[in-house]
PDB file of all heavy atoms in Angstrom:
ATOM      1  N   GLY A   1       2.886  11.376  -5.512  1.00  0.00           N
ATOM      2  CA  GLY A   1       3.991  11.184  -4.710  1.00  0.00           C
ATOM      3  C   GLY A   1       4.324   9.882  -4.245  1.00  0.00           C
ATOM      4  O   GLY A   1       5.413   9.311  -4.208  1.00  0.00           O
ATOM      5  N   ALA A   2       3.167   9.148  -3.896  1.00  0.00           N
ATOM      6  CA  ALA A   2       3.229   7.674  -3.401  1.00  0.00           C
ATOM      7  C   ALA A   2       3.617   6.764  -4.608  1.00  0.00           C
ATOM      8  O   ALA A   2       4.293   5.738  -4.376  1.00  0.00           O
ATOM      9  CB  ALA A   2       1.963   7.259  -2.752  1.00  0.00           C
ATOM     10  N   LEU A   3       3.095   7.027  -5.834  1.00  0.00           N
ATOM     11  CA  LEU A   3       3.241   6.053  -6.893  1.00  0.00           C
ATOM     12  C   LEU A   3       4.429   6.371  -7.869  1.00  0.00           C
ATOM     13  O   LEU A   3       4.714   5.574  -8.714  1.00  0.00           O
ATOM     14  CB  LEU A   3       1.943   6.060  -7.620  1.00  0.00           C
ATOM     15  CG  LEU A   3       0.681   5.569  -6.912  1.00  0.00           C
ATOM     16  CD1 LEU A   3      -0.566   5.775  -7.690  1.00  0.00           C
ATOM     17  CD2 LEU A   3       0.901   4.109  -6.435  1.00  0.00           C
ATOM     18  N   LEU A   4       5.004   7.568  -7.710  1.00  0.00           N
ATOM     19  CA  LEU A   4       6.038   7.997  -8.650  1.00  0.00           C
ATOM     20  C   LEU A   4       7.168   7.066  -8.810  1.00  0.00           C
ATOM     21  O   LEU A   4       7.607   6.522  -9.927  1.00  0.00           O
ATOM     22  CB  LEU A   4       6.579   9.416  -8.344  1.00  0.00           C
ATOM     23  CG  LEU A   4       7.494   9.990  -9.382  1.00  0.00           C
ATOM     24  CD1 LEU A   4       6.758  10.157 -10.707  1.00  0.00           C
ATOM     25  CD2 LEU A   4       7.941  11.351  -8.862  1.00  0.00           C
ATOM     26  N   SER A   5       7.746   6.571  -7.730  1.00  0.00           N
ATOM     27  CA  SER A   5       8.864   5.647  -7.731  1.00  0.00           C
ATOM     28  C   SER A   5       8.392   4.241  -8.325  1.00  0.00           C
ATOM     29  O   SER A   5       9.113   3.698  -9.111  1.00  0.00           O
ATOM     30  CB  SER A   5       9.391   5.412  -6.321  1.00  0.00           C
ATOM     31  OG  SER A   5      10.507   4.467  -6.321  1.00  0.00           O
ATOM     32  N   ALA A   6       7.216   3.792  -7.863  1.00  0.00           N
ATOM     33  CA  ALA A   6       6.669   2.526  -8.364  1.00  0.00           C
ATOM     34  C   ALA A   6       6.528   2.502  -9.949  1.00  0.00           C
ATOM     35  O   ALA A   6       6.905   1.508 -10.547  1.00  0.00           O
ATOM     36  CB  ALA A   6       5.374   2.216  -7.724  1.00  0.00           C
ATOM     37  N   ILE A   7       6.078   3.697 -10.487  1.00  0.00           N
ATOM     38  CA  ILE A   7       5.914   3.842 -11.859  1.00  0.00           C
ATOM     39  C   ILE A   7       7.229   3.559 -12.652  1.00  0.00           C
ATOM     40  O   ILE A   7       7.339   2.825 -13.615  1.00  0.00           O
ATOM     41  CB  ILE A   7       5.283   5.140 -12.245  1.00  0.00           C
ATOM     42  CG1 ILE A   7       3.778   5.152 -11.747  1.00  0.00           C
ATOM     43  CG2 ILE A   7       5.266   5.278 -13.782  1.00  0.00           C
ATOM     44  CD1 ILE A   7       3.272   6.631 -11.823  1.00  0.00           C
ATOM     45  N   GLY A   8       8.298   4.227 -12.118  1.00  0.00           N
ATOM     46  CA  GLY A   8       9.579   4.083 -12.699  1.00  0.00           C
ATOM     47  C   GLY A   8      10.224   2.724 -12.709  1.00  0.00           C
ATOM     48  O   GLY A   8      10.781   2.198 -13.592  1.00  0.00           O
ATOM     49  N   ILE A   9      10.129   2.201 -11.452  1.00  0.00           N
ATOM     50  CA  ILE A   9      10.652   0.756 -11.304  1.00  0.00           C
ATOM     51  C   ILE A   9       9.922  -0.212 -12.164  1.00  0.00           C
ATOM     52  O   ILE A   9      10.457  -1.160 -12.793  1.00  0.00           O
ATOM     53  CB  ILE A   9      10.542   0.395  -9.824  1.00  0.00           C
ATOM     54  CG1 ILE A   9      11.405   1.291  -8.968  1.00  0.00           C
ATOM     55  CG2 ILE A   9      10.926  -1.078  -9.610  1.00  0.00           C
ATOM     56  CD1 ILE A   9      11.259   1.042  -7.485  1.00  0.00           C
ATOM     57  N   ALA A  10       8.588  -0.030 -12.221  1.00  0.00           N
ATOM     58  CA  ALA A  10       7.712  -0.914 -13.077  1.00  0.00           C
ATOM     59  C   ALA A  10       8.064  -0.814 -14.493  1.00  0.00           C
ATOM     60  O   ALA A  10       8.025  -1.812 -15.230  1.00  0.00           O
ATOM     61  CB  ALA A  10       6.247  -0.633 -12.870  1.00  0.00           C
ATOM     62  N   GLY A  11       8.416   0.340 -14.908  1.00  0.00           N
ATOM     63  CA  GLY A  11       8.899   0.536 -16.333  1.00  0.00           C
ATOM     64  C   GLY A  11      10.088  -0.227 -16.654  1.00  0.00           C
ATOM     65  O   GLY A  11      10.149  -0.883 -17.799  1.00  0.00           O
ATOM     66  N   MET A  12      11.043  -0.263 -15.768  1.00  0.00           N
ATOM     67  CA  MET A  12      12.306  -1.048 -16.030  1.00  0.00           C
ATOM     68  C   MET A  12      11.958  -2.531 -15.952  1.00  0.00           C
ATOM     69  O   MET A  12      12.481  -3.382 -16.663  1.00  0.00           O
ATOM     70  CB  MET A  12      13.340  -0.668 -14.967  1.00  0.00           C
ATOM     71  CG  MET A  12      13.933   0.708 -15.174  1.00  0.00           C
ATOM     72  SD  MET A  12      15.327   1.101 -14.162  1.00  0.00           S
ATOM     73  CE  MET A  12      16.557  -0.086 -14.732  1.00  0.00           C
ATOM     74  N   ASP A  13      11.013  -2.903 -15.007  1.00  0.00           N
ATOM     75  CA  ASP A  13      10.693  -4.269 -14.918  1.00  0.00           C
ATOM     76  C   ASP A  13       9.968  -4.770 -16.186  1.00  0.00           C
ATOM     77  O   ASP A  13      10.184  -5.893 -16.611  1.00  0.00           O
ATOM     78  CB  ASP A  13       9.708  -4.407 -13.658  1.00  0.00           C
ATOM     79  CG  ASP A  13       9.212  -5.885 -13.439  1.00  0.00           C
ATOM     80  OD1 ASP A  13      10.149  -6.731 -13.253  1.00  0.00           O
ATOM     81  OD2 ASP A  13       8.020  -6.161 -13.540  1.00  0.00           O
ATOM     82  N   ARG A  14       9.165  -3.932 -16.865  1.00  0.00           N
ATOM     83  CA  ARG A  14       8.555  -4.426 -18.018  1.00  0.00           C
ATOM     84  C   ARG A  14       9.627  -4.703 -19.164  1.00  0.00           C
ATOM     85  O   ARG A  14       9.444  -5.558 -19.962  1.00  0.00           O
ATOM     86  CB  ARG A  14       7.580  -3.299 -18.567  1.00  0.00           C
ATOM     87  CG  ARG A  14       6.175  -3.338 -17.934  1.00  0.00           C
ATOM     88  CD  ARG A  14       5.184  -2.421 -18.615  1.00  0.00           C
ATOM     89  NE  ARG A  14       5.423  -1.025 -18.512  1.00  0.00           N
ATOM     90  CZ  ARG A  14       5.058  -0.304 -17.426  1.00  0.00           C
ATOM     91  NH1 ARG A  14       4.428  -0.885 -16.446  1.00  0.00           N
ATOM     92  NH2 ARG A  14       5.360   0.950 -17.352  1.00  0.00           N
ATOM     93  N   LEU A  15      10.669  -3.850 -19.186  1.00  0.00           N
ATOM     94  CA  LEU A  15      11.745  -4.089 -20.082  1.00  0.00           C
ATOM     95  C   LEU A  15      12.458  -5.388 -19.731  1.00  0.00           C
ATOM     96  O   LEU A  15      12.820  -6.229 -20.599  1.00  0.00           O
ATOM     97  CB  LEU A  15      12.844  -3.010 -20.043  1.00  0.00           C
ATOM     98  CG  LEU A  15      12.572  -1.819 -20.893  1.00  0.00           C
ATOM     99  CD1 LEU A  15      13.731  -0.797 -20.736  1.00  0.00           C
ATOM    100  CD2 LEU A  15      12.456  -2.175 -22.341  1.00  0.00           C
ATOM    101  N   VAL A  16      12.627  -5.749 -18.409  1.00  0.00           N
ATOM    102  CA  VAL A  16      13.315  -6.877 -18.003  1.00  0.00           C
ATOM    103  C   VAL A  16      12.487  -8.147 -18.428  1.00  0.00           C
ATOM    104  O   VAL A  16      12.963  -9.151 -18.941  1.00  0.00           O
ATOM    105  CB  VAL A  16      13.581  -6.903 -16.502  1.00  0.00           C
ATOM    106  CG1 VAL A  16      13.999  -8.291 -16.052  1.00  0.00           C
ATOM    107  CG2 VAL A  16      14.619  -5.921 -16.085  1.00  0.00           C
ATOM    108  N   ARG A  17      11.170  -8.017 -18.240  1.00  0.00           N
ATOM    109  CA  ARG A  17      10.255  -9.129 -18.574  1.00  0.00           C
ATOM    110  C   ARG A  17      10.219  -9.263 -20.222  1.00  0.00           C
ATOM    111  O   ARG A  17       9.786 -10.313 -20.678  1.00  0.00           O
ATOM    112  CB  ARG A  17       8.871  -8.926 -18.138  1.00  0.00           C
ATOM    113  CG  ARG A  17       8.787  -9.252 -16.566  1.00  0.00           C
ATOM    114  CD  ARG A  17       7.356  -9.164 -16.018  1.00  0.00           C
ATOM    115  NE  ARG A  17       6.908  -7.730 -15.829  1.00  0.00           N
ATOM    116  CZ  ARG A  17       5.963  -7.230 -16.600  1.00  0.00           C
ATOM    117  NH1 ARG A  17       5.405  -7.824 -17.460  1.00  0.00           N
ATOM    118  NH2 ARG A  17       5.612  -5.944 -16.269  1.00  0.00           N
ATOM    119  N   PHE A  18      10.690  -8.170 -20.798  1.00  0.00           N
ATOM    120  CA  PHE A  18      10.703  -8.282 -22.270  1.00  0.00           C
ATOM    121  C   PHE A  18      12.120  -8.672 -22.765  1.00  0.00           C
ATOM    122  O   PHE A  18      12.553  -8.502 -23.938  1.00  0.00           O
ATOM    123  CB  PHE A  18      10.416  -6.857 -22.847  1.00  0.00           C
ATOM    124  CG  PHE A  18       9.664  -6.915 -24.135  1.00  0.00           C
ATOM    125  CD1 PHE A  18       8.379  -7.394 -24.267  1.00  0.00           C
ATOM    126  CD2 PHE A  18      10.255  -6.527 -25.393  1.00  0.00           C
ATOM    127  CE1 PHE A  18       7.739  -7.424 -25.433  1.00  0.00           C
ATOM    128  CE2 PHE A  18       9.734  -6.553 -26.601  1.00  0.00           C
ATOM    129  CZ  PHE A  18       8.376  -7.038 -26.637  1.00  0.00           C
ATOM    130  N   ASN A  19      12.966  -9.111 -21.804  1.00  0.00           N
ATOM    131  CA  ASN A  19      14.334  -9.540 -22.050  1.00  0.00           C
ATOM    132  C   ASN A  19      15.272  -8.417 -22.577  1.00  0.00           C
ATOM    133  O   ASN A  19      16.130  -8.576 -23.393  1.00  0.00           O
ATOM    134  CB  ASN A  19      14.388 -10.653 -23.149  1.00  0.00           C
ATOM    135  CG  ASN A  19      13.994 -12.034 -22.476  1.00  0.00           C
ATOM    136  OD1 ASN A  19      13.902 -12.120 -21.270  1.00  0.00           O
ATOM    137  ND2 ASN A  19      13.657 -12.875 -23.327  1.00  0.00           N
ATOM    138  N   VAL A  20      15.044  -7.188 -21.966  1.00  0.00           N
ATOM    139  CA  VAL A  20      15.900  -6.040 -22.250  1.00  0.00           C
ATOM    140  C   VAL A  20      16.325  -5.482 -20.928  1.00  0.00           C
ATOM    141  O   VAL A  20      15.454  -5.300 -20.066  1.00  0.00           O
ATOM    142  CB  VAL A  20      15.156  -4.972 -23.089  1.00  0.00           C
ATOM    143  CG1 VAL A  20      16.061  -3.778 -23.265  1.00  0.00           C
ATOM    144  CG2 VAL A  20      14.693  -5.570 -24.444  1.00  0.00           C
ATOM    145  N   LEU A  21      17.589  -5.155 -20.747  1.00  0.00           N
ATOM    146  CA  LEU A  21      18.129  -4.586 -19.603  1.00  0.00           C
ATOM    147  C   LEU A  21      18.492  -3.143 -19.833  1.00  0.00           C
ATOM    148  O   LEU A  21      19.274  -2.887 -20.782  1.00  0.00           O
ATOM    149  CB  LEU A  21      19.349  -5.434 -19.039  1.00  0.00           C
ATOM    150  CG  LEU A  21      19.080  -6.845 -18.610  1.00  0.00           C
ATOM    151  CD1 LEU A  21      20.348  -7.459 -18.100  1.00  0.00           C
ATOM    152  CD2 LEU A  21      17.937  -6.944 -17.625  1.00  0.00           C
ATOM    153  N   ALA A  22      18.088  -2.281 -19.028  1.00  0.00           N
ATOM    154  CA  ALA A  22      18.413  -0.850 -19.089  1.00  0.00           C
ATOM    155  C   ALA A  22      19.325  -0.501 -17.989  1.00  0.00           C
ATOM    156  O   ALA A  22      19.157  -0.923 -16.868  1.00  0.00           O
ATOM    157  CB  ALA A  22      17.223  -0.005 -19.078  1.00  0.00           C
ATOM    158  N   THR A  23      20.371   0.277 -18.226  1.00  0.00           N
ATOM    159  CA  THR A  23      21.281   0.570 -17.207  1.00  0.00           C
ATOM    160  C   THR A  23      20.774   1.668 -16.158  1.00  0.00           C
ATOM    161  O   THR A  23      21.276   1.808 -15.046  1.00  0.00           O
ATOM    162  CB  THR A  23      22.609   1.207 -17.802  1.00  0.00           C
ATOM    163  OG1 THR A  23      22.319   2.403 -18.599  1.00  0.00           O
ATOM    164  CG2 THR A  23      23.327   0.168 -18.734  1.00  0.00           C
ATOM    165  N   SER A  24      19.715   2.346 -16.585  1.00  0.00           N
ATOM    166  CA  SER A  24      19.086   3.267 -15.629  1.00  0.00           C
ATOM    167  C   SER A  24      17.731   3.687 -16.202  1.00  0.00           C
ATOM    168  O   SER A  24      17.329   3.368 -17.341  1.00  0.00           O
ATOM    169  CB  SER A  24      19.950   4.611 -15.486  1.00  0.00           C
ATOM    170  OG  SER A  24      19.873   5.318 -16.698  1.00  0.00           O
ATOM    171  N   GLY A  25      16.946   4.301 -15.314  1.00  0.00           N
ATOM    172  CA  GLY A  25      15.663   4.778 -15.752  1.00  0.00           C
ATOM    173  C   GLY A  25      15.694   5.796 -16.795  1.00  0.00           C
ATOM    174  O   GLY A  25      14.806   5.947 -17.586  1.00  0.00           O
ATOM    175  N   ARG A  26      16.797   6.466 -16.885  1.00  0.00           N
ATOM    176  CA  ARG A  26      16.993   7.516 -17.870  1.00  0.00           C
ATOM    177  C   ARG A  26      16.818   6.868 -19.335  1.00  0.00           C
ATOM    178  O   ARG A  26      16.286   7.524 -20.218  1.00  0.00           O
ATOM    179  CB  ARG A  26      18.391   8.163 -17.836  1.00  0.00           C
ATOM    180  CG  ARG A  26      18.574   9.241 -16.778  1.00  0.00           C
ATOM    181  CD  ARG A  26      19.806   9.940 -16.882  1.00  0.00           C
ATOM    182  NE  ARG A  26      19.961  11.011 -15.919  1.00  0.00           N
ATOM    183  CZ  ARG A  26      20.445  10.970 -14.763  1.00  0.00           C
ATOM    184  NH1 ARG A  26      20.925   9.770 -14.380  1.00  0.00           N
ATOM    185  NH2 ARG A  26      20.417  11.988 -13.858  1.00  0.00           N
ATOM    186  N   ALA A  27      17.405   5.707 -19.442  1.00  0.00           N
ATOM    187  CA  ALA A  27      17.338   5.063 -20.786  1.00  0.00           C
ATOM    188  C   ALA A  27      16.012   4.667 -21.223  1.00  0.00           C
ATOM    189  O   ALA A  27      15.560   4.862 -22.339  1.00  0.00           O
ATOM    190  CB  ALA A  27      18.335   3.820 -20.837  1.00  0.00           C
ATOM    191  N   VAL A  28      15.108   4.210 -20.238  1.00  0.00           N
ATOM    192  CA  VAL A  28      13.787   3.855 -20.466  1.00  0.00           C
ATOM    193  C   VAL A  28      12.953   5.047 -20.907  1.00  0.00           C
ATOM    194  O   VAL A  28      12.215   5.093 -21.878  1.00  0.00           O
ATOM    195  CB  VAL A  28      13.119   3.197 -19.279  1.00  0.00           C
ATOM    196  CG1 VAL A  28      11.723   2.653 -19.632  1.00  0.00           C
ATOM    197  CG2 VAL A  28      13.970   2.058 -18.791  1.00  0.00           C
ATOM    198  N   GLU A  29      13.212   6.159 -20.115  1.00  0.00           N
ATOM    199  CA  GLU A  29      12.456   7.418 -20.362  1.00  0.00           C
ATOM    200  C   GLU A  29      12.901   8.005 -21.700  1.00  0.00           C
ATOM    201  O   GLU A  29      12.057   8.469 -22.514  1.00  0.00           O
ATOM    202  CB  GLU A  29      12.714   8.481 -19.291  1.00  0.00           C
ATOM    203  CG  GLU A  29      11.912   9.673 -19.438  1.00  0.00           C
ATOM    204  CD  GLU A  29      12.041  10.568 -18.158  1.00  0.00           C
ATOM    205  OE1 GLU A  29      11.493  10.197 -17.060  1.00  0.00           O
ATOM    206  OE2 GLU A  29      12.746  11.571 -18.365  1.00  0.00           O
ATOM    207  N   ALA A  30      14.224   7.963 -21.990  1.00  0.00           N
ATOM    208  CA  ALA A  30      14.657   8.480 -23.295  1.00  0.00           C
ATOM    209  C   ALA A  30      14.028   7.768 -24.465  1.00  0.00           C
ATOM    210  O   ALA A  30      13.616   8.264 -25.516  1.00  0.00           O
ATOM    211  CB  ALA A  30      16.171   8.412 -23.410  1.00  0.00           C
ATOM    212  N   ALA A  31      13.813   6.419 -24.242  1.00  0.00           N
ATOM    213  CA  ALA A  31      13.140   5.626 -25.254  1.00  0.00           C
ATOM    214  C   ALA A  31      11.761   6.098 -25.603  1.00  0.00           C
ATOM    215  O   ALA A  31      11.340   6.117 -26.742  1.00  0.00           O
ATOM    216  CB  ALA A  31      13.054   4.157 -24.966  1.00  0.00           C
ATOM    217  N   GLY A  32      11.018   6.640 -24.676  1.00  0.00           N
ATOM    218  CA  GLY A  32       9.721   7.163 -24.821  1.00  0.00           C
ATOM    219  C   GLY A  32       9.736   8.474 -25.550  1.00  0.00           C
ATOM    220  O   GLY A  32       8.651   8.908 -26.107  1.00  0.00           O
ATOM    221  N   ASP A  33      10.912   9.230 -25.560  1.00  0.00           N
ATOM    222  CA  ASP A  33      10.948  10.575 -26.133  1.00  0.00           C
ATOM    223  C   ASP A  33      11.704  10.506 -27.549  1.00  0.00           C
ATOM    224  O   ASP A  33      12.050  11.522 -28.065  1.00  0.00           O
ATOM    225  CB  ASP A  33      11.683  11.567 -25.212  1.00  0.00           C
ATOM    226  CG  ASP A  33      10.557  12.028 -24.253  1.00  0.00           C
ATOM    227  OD1 ASP A  33       9.426  12.111 -24.428  1.00  0.00           O
ATOM    228  OD2 ASP A  33      11.040  12.373 -23.080  1.00  0.00           O
ATOM    229  N   VAL A  34      12.008   9.322 -27.970  1.00  0.00           N
ATOM    230  CA  VAL A  34      12.820   9.188 -29.274  1.00  0.00           C
ATOM    231  C   VAL A  34      12.147   9.854 -30.393  1.00  0.00           C
ATOM    232  O   VAL A  34      10.981   9.724 -30.646  1.00  0.00           O
ATOM    233  CB  VAL A  34      13.112   7.664 -29.514  1.00  0.00           C
ATOM    234  CG1 VAL A  34      13.591   7.494 -30.944  1.00  0.00           C
ATOM    235  CG2 VAL A  34      14.213   7.152 -28.556  1.00  0.00           C
TER     236      VAL A  34
END
């Protein structure tokens, strides 16, 4: 419960550091289920 939000934010941050912007966490998660 304490780490759930941090995990999602960090996932988007990894994309940003990879020079990719996602409009929402949904897009990042969908990428993992492609």
